[in-house]
Amino acid sequence: MKFVLRQGLGYSTVHQISDYLRRHGTGHHWIERYRSDIFVFVSDDADELILRREFSRLLDAVNDTETDGTRCR
């Protein structure tokens, strides 16, 4: 699953999310920057649940089937 960090948030937030996933999740995640967006990818359902539950105020889910960059809510 792919999430995008909300505008105005930076790498300190990414570090907070990564640290939390390493402590409480599977730890299988990666971060990518594309243009002005920062994306958090997780490959495990448990990590996806953590991001949706604990970090919903910081991240928006991205629907990979959309080609126009539409964000899911």
Protein backbone atom coordinates (compact mmCIF):
# COMPACT_ATOMS: atom_id res chain seq x y z
CA MET A 1 0.00 0.00 0.00
CA LYS A 2 1.17 3.50 -0.75
CA PHE A 3 0.60 6.61 1.37
CA VAL A 4 1.61 10.20 0.76
CA LEU A 5 2.75 12.53 3.51
CA ARG A 6 0.52 15.57 3.79
CA GLN A 7 1.90 18.87 2.56
CA GLY A 8 3.93 20.86 5.05
CA LEU A 9 5.31 17.79 6.83
CA GLY A 10 8.90 16.69 6.41
CA TYR A 11 11.55 14.19 7.26
CA SER A 12 11.16 14.44 11.02
CA THR A 13 7.63 13.09 10.54
CA VAL A 14 8.94 10.35 8.25
CA HIS A 15 11.47 9.34 10.93
CA GLN A 16 8.69 9.25 13.55
CA ILE A 17 6.59 6.96 11.33
CA SER A 18 9.55 4.73 10.44
CA ASP A 19 10.60 4.35 14.07
CA TYR A 20 7.05 3.42 15.05
CA LEU A 21 6.79 0.82 12.28
CA ARG A 22 10.13 -0.73 13.30
CA ARG A 23 9.00 -0.98 16.93
CA HIS A 24 5.39 -2.09 16.45
CA GLY A 25 5.05 -3.45 12.92
CA THR A 26 6.92 -5.79 10.64
CA GLY A 27 9.40 -3.09 9.70
CA HIS A 28 8.99 -3.81 5.99
CA HIS A 29 8.47 -0.33 4.62
CA TRP A 30 10.27 2.15 2.42
CA ILE A 31 10.18 5.85 1.70
CA GLU A 32 10.39 7.55 -1.68
CA ARG A 33 10.41 11.18 -2.68
CA TYR A 34 8.94 12.20 -6.00
CA ARG A 35 8.94 15.87 -6.89
CA SER A 36 7.48 17.60 -3.84
CA ASP A 37 5.73 14.52 -2.41
CA ILE A 38 7.07 12.00 0.12
CA PHE A 39 5.59 8.51 -0.12
CA VAL A 40 5.54 5.77 2.50
CA PHE A 41 5.14 2.23 1.16
CA VAL A 42 4.25 -0.82 3.24
CA SER A 43 4.00 -4.39 2.01
CA ASP A 44 2.33 -5.94 5.04
CA ASP A 45 -1.35 -5.67 6.04
CA ALA A 46 -0.39 -5.14 9.69
CA ASP A 47 1.76 -2.14 8.78
CA GLU A 48 -1.01 -0.73 6.61
CA LEU A 49 -3.37 -0.98 9.57
CA ILE A 50 -0.86 0.83 11.78
CA LEU A 51 -0.54 3.68 9.28
CA ARG A 52 -4.29 4.00 8.91
CA ARG A 53 -4.92 3.85 12.67
CA GLU A 54 -1.98 5.78 14.13
CA PHE A 55 -1.00 8.20 11.37
CA SER A 56 -4.21 9.02 9.51
CA ARG A 57 -3.81 12.70 10.40
CA LEU A 58 -0.37 12.76 8.70
CA LEU A 59 -0.85 10.50 5.67
CA ASP A 60 -3.29 10.05 2.82
CA ALA A 61 -3.69 6.69 1.11
CA VAL A 62 -2.91 6.74 -2.59
CA ASN A 63 -5.03 4.70 -4.96
CA ASP A 64 -2.51 3.11 -7.33
CA THR A 65 -5.21 2.45 -9.91
CA GLU A 66 -5.68 6.15 -10.46
CA THR A 67 -3.33 7.65 -13.02
CA ASP A 68 -4.11 11.29 -12.34
CA GLY A 69 -2.53 11.38 -8.86
CA THR A 70 -5.89 11.26 -7.06
CA ARG A 71 -5.56 10.66 -3.33
CA CYS A 72 -7.94 8.38 -1.45
CA ARG A 73 -9.48 9.43 1.83
